Amino acid sequence: MRDPFEVILHPYVTERALSLMDRENKLMFIVKRDATKDEIKYSIEKIFQVKVQSVNTMITKNGKKAIVKLSPEYSAEEIGMRIGVF
């Protein structure tokens, strides 16, 4: 596995991302284009000390975007505050 800080480039903050954070306990990140879902999951779990339930990815003109759903016992809003989204 690669270094977690090499896989996750930065949080992706839009109105939709904030809505997903609030309603569905999900966070959005821009990740390396060649990162796999397993690498993304491992990286998020190591960096933020949380459990990830699922990872969805999509390639956009901005790069590869990952939508990460956290396990119910963790709060996406709390993580958002820690990384400075709010």
PDB file of N, CA and C in Angstrom:
ATOM      1  N   MET A   1       0.841  -1.196   0.000  1.00  0.00           N
ATOM      2  CA  MET A   1       0.000   0.000   0.000  1.00  0.00           C
ATOM      3  C   MET A   1       0.883   1.257   0.000  1.00  0.00           C
ATOM      4  N   ARG A   2       0.375   2.241  -0.703  1.00  0.00           N
ATOM      5  CA  ARG A   2       1.072   3.533  -0.753  1.00  0.00           C
ATOM      6  C   ARG A   2       0.854   4.322   0.529  1.00  0.00           C
ATOM      7  N   ASP A   3       1.645   5.368   0.667  1.00  0.00           N
ATOM      8  CA  ASP A   3       1.480   6.292   1.782  1.00  0.00           C
ATOM      9  C   ASP A   3       0.095   6.932   1.686  1.00  0.00           C
ATOM     10  N   PRO A   4      -0.699   6.908   2.777  1.00  0.00           N
ATOM     11  CA  PRO A   4      -2.052   7.483   2.730  1.00  0.00           C
ATOM     12  C   PRO A   4      -2.099   8.938   2.276  1.00  0.00           C
ATOM     13  N   PHE A   5      -1.080   9.722   2.637  1.00  0.00           N
ATOM     14  CA  PHE A   5      -1.077  11.133   2.261  1.00  0.00           C
ATOM     15  C   PHE A   5      -0.745  11.331   0.785  1.00  0.00           C
ATOM     16  N   GLU A   6      -0.266  10.289   0.133  1.00  0.00           N
ATOM     17  CA  GLU A   6       0.015  10.342  -1.300  1.00  0.00           C
ATOM     18  C   GLU A   6      -1.252  10.058  -2.110  1.00  0.00           C
ATOM     19  N   VAL A   7      -2.166   9.277  -1.550  1.00  0.00           N
ATOM     20  CA  VAL A   7      -3.394   8.869  -2.245  1.00  0.00           C
ATOM     21  C   VAL A   7      -4.438   9.981  -2.211  1.00  0.00           C
ATOM     22  N   ILE A   8      -4.679  10.554  -1.027  1.00  0.00           N
ATOM     23  CA  ILE A   8      -5.694  11.593  -0.837  1.00  0.00           C
ATOM     24  C   ILE A   8      -5.046  12.948  -1.108  1.00  0.00           C
ATOM     25  N   LEU A   9      -5.529  13.656  -2.126  1.00  0.00           N
ATOM     26  CA  LEU A   9      -4.930  14.944  -2.470  1.00  0.00           C
ATOM     27  C   LEU A   9      -5.511  16.085  -1.632  1.00  0.00           C
ATOM     28  N   HIS A  10      -6.852  16.219  -1.639  1.00  0.00           N
ATOM     29  CA  HIS A  10      -7.489  17.254  -0.827  1.00  0.00           C
ATOM     30  C   HIS A  10      -8.996  17.021  -0.780  1.00  0.00           C
ATOM     31  N   PRO A  11      -9.682  17.630   0.219  1.00  0.00           N
ATOM     32  CA  PRO A  11     -11.145  17.506   0.280  1.00  0.00           C
ATOM     33  C   PRO A  11     -11.781  18.264  -0.883  1.00  0.00           C
ATOM     34  N   TYR A  12     -12.938  17.795  -1.301  1.00  0.00           N
ATOM     35  CA  TYR A  12     -13.686  18.444  -2.368  1.00  0.00           C
ATOM     36  C   TYR A  12     -14.912  19.063  -1.715  1.00  0.00           C
ATOM     37  N   VAL A  13     -14.975  20.388  -1.696  1.00  0.00           N
ATOM     38  CA  VAL A  13     -16.036  21.078  -0.971  1.00  0.00           C
ATOM     39  C   VAL A  13     -16.930  21.833  -1.946  1.00  0.00           C
ATOM     40  N   THR A  14     -18.173  21.376  -2.029  1.00  0.00           N
ATOM     41  CA  THR A  14     -19.205  22.054  -2.802  1.00  0.00           C
ATOM     42  C   THR A  14     -20.482  22.021  -1.974  1.00  0.00           C
ATOM     43  N   GLU A  15     -21.523  22.644  -2.477  1.00  0.00           N
ATOM     44  CA  GLU A  15     -22.800  22.596  -1.778  1.00  0.00           C
ATOM     45  C   GLU A  15     -23.301  21.156  -1.688  1.00  0.00           C
ATOM     46  N   ARG A  16     -23.107  20.400  -2.772  1.00  0.00           N
ATOM     47  CA  ARG A  16     -23.525  18.998  -2.791  1.00  0.00           C
ATOM     48  C   ARG A  16     -22.722  18.189  -1.762  1.00  0.00           C
ATOM     49  N   ALA A  17     -21.433  18.446  -1.669  1.00  0.00           N
ATOM     50  CA  ALA A  17     -20.587  17.725  -0.712  1.00  0.00           C
ATOM     51  C   ALA A  17     -21.031  18.010   0.724  1.00  0.00           C
ATOM     52  N   LEU A  18     -21.366  19.255   1.011  1.00  0.00           N
ATOM     53  CA  LEU A  18     -21.833  19.602   2.353  1.00  0.00           C
ATOM     54  C   LEU A  18     -23.178  18.945   2.649  1.00  0.00           C
ATOM     55  N   SER A  19     -24.039  18.853   1.648  1.00  0.00           N
ATOM     56  CA  SER A  19     -25.326  18.185   1.803  1.00  0.00           C
ATOM     57  C   SER A  19     -25.133  16.693   2.084  1.00  0.00           C
ATOM     58  N   LEU A  20     -24.225  16.051   1.335  1.00  0.00           N
ATOM     59  CA  LEU A  20     -23.937  14.633   1.565  1.00  0.00           C
ATOM     60  C   LEU A  20     -23.365  14.415   2.964  1.00  0.00           C
ATOM     61  N   MET A  21     -22.532  15.345   3.414  1.00  0.00           N
ATOM     62  CA  MET A  21     -21.930  15.242   4.733  1.00  0.00           C
ATOM     63  C   MET A  21     -23.021  15.281   5.809  1.00  0.00           C
ATOM     64  N   ASP A  22     -23.953  16.183   5.644  1.00  0.00           N
ATOM     65  CA  ASP A  22     -25.006  16.386   6.628  1.00  0.00           C
ATOM     66  C   ASP A  22     -26.037  15.252   6.608  1.00  0.00           C
ATOM     67  N   ARG A  23     -26.499  14.876   5.433  1.00  0.00           N
ATOM     68  CA  ARG A  23     -27.609  13.919   5.312  1.00  0.00           C
ATOM     69  C   ARG A  23     -27.198  12.455   5.305  1.00  0.00           C
ATOM     70  N   GLU A  24     -26.064  12.142   4.659  1.00  0.00           N
ATOM     71  CA  GLU A  24     -25.717  10.741   4.418  1.00  0.00           C
ATOM     72  C   GLU A  24     -24.400  10.296   5.050  1.00  0.00           C
ATOM     73  N   ASN A  25     -23.769  11.154   5.860  1.00  0.00           N
ATOM     74  CA  ASN A  25     -22.517  10.824   6.535  1.00  0.00           C
ATOM     75  C   ASN A  25     -21.412  10.475   5.534  1.00  0.00           C
ATOM     76  N   LYS A  26     -21.314  11.269   4.461  1.00  0.00           N
ATOM     77  CA  LYS A  26     -20.322  11.039   3.408  1.00  0.00           C
ATOM     78  C   LYS A  26     -19.390  12.236   3.278  1.00  0.00           C
ATOM     79  N   LEU A  27     -18.153  11.954   2.875  1.00  0.00           N
ATOM     80  CA  LEU A  27     -17.158  12.984   2.596  1.00  0.00           C
ATOM     81  C   LEU A  27     -16.690  12.828   1.159  1.00  0.00           C
ATOM     82  N   MET A  28     -16.292  13.939   0.533  1.00  0.00           N
ATOM     83  CA  MET A  28     -15.786  13.885  -0.841  1.00  0.00           C
ATOM     84  C   MET A  28     -14.337  14.370  -0.867  1.00  0.00           C
ATOM     85  N   PHE A  29     -13.518  13.649  -1.645  1.00  0.00           N
ATOM     86  CA  PHE A  29     -12.105  13.984  -1.778  1.00  0.00           C
ATOM     87  C   PHE A  29     -11.682  13.879  -3.234  1.00  0.00           C
ATOM     88  N   ILE A  30     -10.677  14.671  -3.599  1.00  0.00           N
ATOM     89  CA  ILE A  30      -9.975  14.474  -4.861  1.00  0.00           C
ATOM     90  C   ILE A  30      -8.802  13.559  -4.531  1.00  0.00           C
ATOM     91  N   VAL A  31      -8.665  12.492  -5.314  1.00  0.00           N
ATOM     92  CA  VAL A  31      -7.633  11.485  -5.048  1.00  0.00           C
ATOM     93  C   VAL A  31      -6.775  11.287  -6.293  1.00  0.00           C
ATOM     94  N   LYS A  32      -5.661  10.576  -6.128  1.00  0.00           N
ATOM     95  CA  LYS A  32      -4.805  10.241  -7.280  1.00  0.00           C
ATOM     96  C   LYS A  32      -5.624   9.474  -8.303  1.00  0.00           C
ATOM     97  N   ARG A  33      -5.402   9.754  -9.566  1.00  0.00           N
ATOM     98  CA  ARG A  33      -6.182   9.128 -10.630  1.00  0.00           C
ATOM     99  C   ARG A  33      -6.022   7.608 -10.652  1.00  0.00           C
ATOM    100  N   ASP A  34      -4.856   7.106 -10.256  1.00  0.00           N
ATOM    101  CA  ASP A  34      -4.629   5.658 -10.303  1.00  0.00           C
ATOM    102  C   ASP A  34      -4.911   4.960  -8.967  1.00  0.00           C
ATOM    103  N   ALA A  35      -5.493   5.668  -8.001  1.00  0.00           N
ATOM    104  CA  ALA A  35      -5.801   5.076  -6.698  1.00  0.00           C
ATOM    105  C   ALA A  35      -6.992   4.126  -6.810  1.00  0.00           C
ATOM    106  N   THR A  36      -6.883   2.988  -6.150  1.00  0.00           N
ATOM    107  CA  THR A  36      -7.989   2.025  -6.130  1.00  0.00           C
ATOM    108  C   THR A  36      -8.910   2.335  -4.952  1.00  0.00           C
ATOM    109  N   LYS A  37     -10.107   1.747  -4.970  1.00  0.00           N
ATOM    110  CA  LYS A  37     -11.043   1.955  -3.867  1.00  0.00           C
ATOM    111  C   LYS A  37     -10.463   1.437  -2.553  1.00  0.00           C
ATOM    112  N   ASP A  38      -9.758   0.316  -2.612  1.00  0.00           N
ATOM    113  CA  ASP A  38      -9.135  -0.236  -1.400  1.00  0.00           C
ATOM    114  C   ASP A  38      -8.073   0.708  -0.844  1.00  0.00           C
ATOM    115  N   GLU A  39      -7.270   1.310  -1.724  1.00  0.00           N
ATOM    116  CA  GLU A  39      -6.254   2.265  -1.271  1.00  0.00           C
ATOM    117  C   GLU A  39      -6.903   3.502  -0.652  1.00  0.00           C
ATOM    118  N   ILE A  40      -7.993   3.968  -1.262  1.00  0.00           N
ATOM    119  CA  ILE A  40      -8.701   5.143  -0.740  1.00  0.00           C
ATOM    120  C   ILE A  40      -9.269   4.833   0.642  1.00  0.00           C
ATOM    121  N   LYS A  41      -9.915   3.672   0.768  1.00  0.00           N
ATOM    122  CA  LYS A  41     -10.490   3.261   2.054  1.00  0.00           C
ATOM    123  C   LYS A  41      -9.403   3.174   3.128  1.00  0.00           C
ATOM    124  N   TYR A  42      -8.313   2.511   2.813  1.00  0.00           N
ATOM    125  CA  TYR A  42      -7.202   2.359   3.754  1.00  0.00           C
ATOM    126  C   TYR A  42      -6.656   3.742   4.161  1.00  0.00           C
ATOM    127  N   SER A  43      -6.487   4.628   3.184  1.00  0.00           N
ATOM    128  CA  SER A  43      -5.929   5.957   3.450  1.00  0.00           C
ATOM    129  C   SER A  43      -6.826   6.773   4.372  1.00  0.00           C
ATOM    130  N   ILE A  44      -8.121   6.797   4.104  1.00  0.00           N
ATOM    131  CA  ILE A  44      -9.064   7.554   4.940  1.00  0.00           C
ATOM    132  C   ILE A  44      -9.068   6.990   6.358  1.00  0.00           C
ATOM    133  N   GLU A  45      -9.077   5.659   6.479  1.00  0.00           N
ATOM    134  CA  GLU A  45      -9.088   5.045   7.810  1.00  0.00           C
ATOM    135  C   GLU A  45      -7.821   5.370   8.596  1.00  0.00           C
ATOM    136  N   LYS A  46      -6.677   5.397   7.929  1.00  0.00           N
ATOM    137  CA  LYS A  46      -5.423   5.694   8.618  1.00  0.00           C
ATOM    138  C   LYS A  46      -5.286   7.172   8.967  1.00  0.00           C
ATOM    139  N   ILE A  47      -5.642   8.052   8.040  1.00  0.00           N
ATOM    140  CA  ILE A  47      -5.471   9.496   8.262  1.00  0.00           C
ATOM    141  C   ILE A  47      -6.420  10.008   9.360  1.00  0.00           C
ATOM    142  N   PHE A  48      -7.703   9.593   9.301  1.00  0.00           N
ATOM    143  CA  PHE A  48      -8.714  10.162  10.195  1.00  0.00           C
ATOM    144  C   PHE A  48      -9.116   9.244  11.350  1.00  0.00           C
ATOM    145  N   GLN A  49      -8.544   8.028  11.424  1.00  0.00           N
ATOM    146  CA  GLN A  49      -8.879   7.081  12.494  1.00  0.00           C
ATOM    147  C   GLN A  49     -10.375   6.808  12.570  1.00  0.00           C
ATOM    148  N   VAL A  50     -10.978   6.478  11.417  1.00  0.00           N
ATOM    149  CA  VAL A  50     -12.403   6.153  11.324  1.00  0.00           C
ATOM    150  C   VAL A  50     -12.558   4.826  10.580  1.00  0.00           C
ATOM    151  N   LYS A  51     -13.792   4.311  10.553  1.00  0.00           N
ATOM    152  CA  LYS A  51     -14.117   3.127   9.758  1.00  0.00           C
ATOM    153  C   LYS A  51     -14.903   3.581   8.539  1.00  0.00           C
ATOM    154  N   VAL A  52     -14.512   3.097   7.371  1.00  0.00           N
ATOM    155  CA  VAL A  52     -15.191   3.449   6.121  1.00  0.00           C
ATOM    156  C   VAL A  52     -16.129   2.315   5.737  1.00  0.00           C
ATOM    157  N   GLN A  53     -17.373   2.679   5.427  1.00  0.00           N
ATOM    158  CA  GLN A  53     -18.364   1.687   5.039  1.00  0.00           C
ATOM    159  C   GLN A  53     -18.264   1.377   3.550  1.00  0.00           C
ATOM    160  N   SER A  54     -18.137   2.434   2.711  1.00  0.00           N
ATOM    161  CA  SER A  54     -18.037   2.216   1.266  1.00  0.00           C
ATOM    162  C   SER A  54     -17.324   3.384   0.602  1.00  0.00           C
ATOM    163  N   VAL A  55     -16.828   3.115  -0.609  1.00  0.00           N
ATOM    164  CA  VAL A  55     -16.145   4.138  -1.404  1.00  0.00           C
ATOM    165  C   VAL A  55     -16.693   4.076  -2.827  1.00  0.00           C
ATOM    166  N   ASN A  56     -17.113   5.208  -3.345  1.00  0.00           N
ATOM    167  CA  ASN A  56     -17.509   5.323  -4.749  1.00  0.00           C
ATOM    168  C   ASN A  56     -16.563   6.321  -5.404  1.00  0.00           C
ATOM    169  N   THR A  57     -16.189   6.037  -6.649  1.00  0.00           N
ATOM    170  CA  THR A  57     -15.276   6.943  -7.347  1.00  0.00           C
ATOM    171  C   THR A  57     -15.848   7.342  -8.692  1.00  0.00           C
ATOM    172  N   MET A  58     -15.380   8.479  -9.180  1.00  0.00           N
ATOM    173  CA  MET A  58     -15.748   8.929 -10.530  1.00  0.00           C
ATOM    174  C   MET A  58     -14.617   9.805 -11.056  1.00  0.00           C
ATOM    175  N   ILE A  59     -14.402   9.731 -12.354  1.00  0.00           N
ATOM    176  CA  ILE A  59     -13.375  10.556 -12.984  1.00  0.00           C
ATOM    177  C   ILE A  59     -14.080  11.769 -13.586  1.00  0.00           C
ATOM    178  N   THR A  60     -13.593  12.955 -13.222  1.00  0.00           N
ATOM    179  CA  THR A  60     -14.161  14.189 -13.740  1.00  0.00           C
ATOM    180  C   THR A  60     -13.046  15.024 -14.343  1.00  0.00           C
ATOM    181  N   LYS A  61     -13.412  16.172 -14.871  1.00  0.00           N
ATOM    182  CA  LYS A  61     -12.384  17.055 -15.436  1.00  0.00           C
ATOM    183  C   LYS A  61     -11.451  17.591 -14.356  1.00  0.00           C
ATOM    184  N   ASN A  62     -11.906  17.592 -13.093  1.00  0.00           N
ATOM    185  CA  ASN A  62     -11.079  18.049 -11.973  1.00  0.00           C
ATOM    186  C   ASN A  62     -10.146  16.957 -11.452  1.00  0.00           C
ATOM    187  N   GLY A  63     -10.282  15.753 -11.958  1.00  0.00           N
ATOM    188  CA  GLY A  63      -9.488  14.628 -11.470  1.00  0.00           C
ATOM    189  C   GLY A  63     -10.407  13.512 -10.999  1.00  0.00           C
ATOM    190  N   LYS A  64      -9.878  12.610 -10.213  1.00  0.00           N
ATOM    191  CA  LYS A  64     -10.676  11.511  -9.689  1.00  0.00           C
ATOM    192  C   LYS A  64     -11.276  11.929  -8.357  1.00  0.00           C
ATOM    193  N   LYS A  65     -12.594  11.776  -8.249  1.00  0.00           N
ATOM    194  CA  LYS A  65     -13.331  12.171  -7.058  1.00  0.00           C
ATOM    195  C   LYS A  65     -13.767  10.905  -6.320  1.00  0.00           C
ATOM    196  N   ALA A  66     -13.605  10.887  -5.020  1.00  0.00           N
ATOM    197  CA  ALA A  66     -14.034   9.757  -4.198  1.00  0.00           C
ATOM    198  C   ALA A  66     -15.090  10.226  -3.211  1.00  0.00           C
ATOM    199  N   ILE A  67     -16.197   9.492  -3.154  1.00  0.00           N
ATOM    200  CA  ILE A  67     -17.238   9.744  -2.159  1.00  0.00           C
ATOM    201  C   ILE A  67     -17.126   8.617  -1.141  1.00  0.00           C
ATOM    202  N   VAL A  68     -16.815   8.986   0.095  1.00  0.00           N
ATOM    203  CA  VAL A  68     -16.522   8.013   1.144  1.00  0.00           C
ATOM    204  C   VAL A  68     -17.636   8.048   2.178  1.00  0.00           C
ATOM    205  N   LYS A  69     -18.300   6.912   2.353  1.00  0.00           N
ATOM    206  CA  LYS A  69     -19.359   6.805   3.375  1.00  0.00           C
ATOM    207  C   LYS A  69     -18.742   6.219   4.634  1.00  0.00           C
ATOM    208  N   LEU A  70     -18.888   6.958   5.737  1.00  0.00           N
ATOM    209  CA  LEU A  70     -18.340   6.518   7.014  1.00  0.00           C
ATOM    210  C   LEU A  70     -19.330   5.591   7.724  1.00  0.00           C
ATOM    211  N   SER A  71     -18.812   4.724   8.580  1.00  0.00           N
ATOM    212  CA  SER A  71     -19.659   3.870   9.408  1.00  0.00           C
ATOM    213  C   SER A  71     -20.495   4.755  10.325  1.00  0.00           C
ATOM    214  N   PRO A  72     -21.682   4.274  10.720  1.00  0.00           N
ATOM    215  CA  PRO A  72     -22.600   5.107  11.522  1.00  0.00           C
ATOM    216  C   PRO A  72     -22.016   5.642  12.828  1.00  0.00           C
ATOM    217  N   GLU A  73     -21.049   4.935  13.414  1.00  0.00           N
ATOM    218  CA  GLU A  73     -20.508   5.407  14.696  1.00  0.00           C
ATOM    219  C   GLU A  73     -19.571   6.598  14.558  1.00  0.00           C
ATOM    220  N   TYR A  74     -19.247   7.000  13.324  1.00  0.00           N
ATOM    221  CA  TYR A  74     -18.382   8.156  13.083  1.00  0.00           C
ATOM    222  C   TYR A  74     -19.167   9.259  12.393  1.00  0.00           C
ATOM    223  N   SER A  75     -18.790  10.498  12.659  1.00  0.00           N
ATOM    224  CA  SER A  75     -19.506  11.650  12.116  1.00  0.00           C
ATOM    225  C   SER A  75     -18.686  12.338  11.014  1.00  0.00           C
ATOM    226  N   ALA A  76     -19.266  12.418   9.831  1.00  0.00           N
ATOM    227  CA  ALA A  76     -18.610  13.114   8.721  1.00  0.00           C
ATOM    228  C   ALA A  76     -18.464  14.602   9.044  1.00  0.00           C
ATOM    229  N   GLU A  77     -19.425  15.159   9.759  1.00  0.00           N
ATOM    230  CA  GLU A  77     -19.349  16.579  10.125  1.00  0.00           C
ATOM    231  C   GLU A  77     -18.160  16.844  11.050  1.00  0.00           C
ATOM    232  N   GLU A  78     -17.909  15.923  11.982  1.00  0.00           N
ATOM    233  CA  GLU A  78     -16.780  16.080  12.903  1.00  0.00           C
ATOM    234  C   GLU A  78     -15.464  16.031  12.130  1.00  0.00           C
ATOM    235  N   ILE A  79     -15.354  15.123  11.182  1.00  0.00           N
ATOM    236  CA  ILE A  79     -14.158  15.035  10.345  1.00  0.00           C
ATOM    237  C   ILE A  79     -14.041  16.299   9.498  1.00  0.00           C
ATOM    238  N   GLY A  80     -15.148  16.777   8.967  1.00  0.00           N
ATOM    239  CA  GLY A  80     -15.157  18.008   8.181  1.00  0.00           C
ATOM    240  C   GLY A  80     -14.634  19.191   8.972  1.00  0.00           C
ATOM    241  N   MET A  81     -14.993  19.263  10.234  1.00  0.00           N
ATOM    242  CA  MET A  81     -14.509  20.353  11.085  1.00  0.00           C
ATOM    243  C   MET A  81     -13.004  20.202  11.330  1.00  0.00           C
ATOM    244  N   ARG A  82     -12.543  18.967  11.515  1.00  0.00           N
ATOM    245  CA  ARG A  82     -11.120  18.733  11.754  1.00  0.00           C
ATOM    246  C   ARG A  82     -10.259  19.132  10.557  1.00  0.00           C
ATOM    247  N   ILE A  83     -10.779  18.943   9.326  1.00  0.00           N
ATOM    248  CA  ILE A  83      -9.977  19.274   8.148  1.00  0.00           C
ATOM    249  C   ILE A  83     -10.244  20.687   7.629  1.00  0.00           C
ATOM    250  N   GLY A  84     -11.124  21.422   8.309  1.00  0.00           N
ATOM    251  CA  GLY A  84     -11.338  22.817   7.970  1.00  0.00           C
ATOM    252  C   GLY A  84     -12.339  23.074   6.864  1.00  0.00           C
ATOM    253  N   VAL A  85     -13.288  22.174   6.675  1.00  0.00           N
ATOM    254  CA  VAL A  85     -14.334  22.386   5.667  1.00  0.00           C
ATOM    255  C   VAL A  85     -15.278  23.484   6.107  1.00  0.00           C
ATOM    256  N   PHE A  86     -15.532  23.571   7.416  1.00  0.00           N
ATOM    257  CA  PHE A  86     -16.455  24.594   7.928  1.00  0.00           C
ATOM    258  C   PHE A  86     -15.704  25.817   8.362  1.00  0.00           C
TER     259      PHE A  86
END
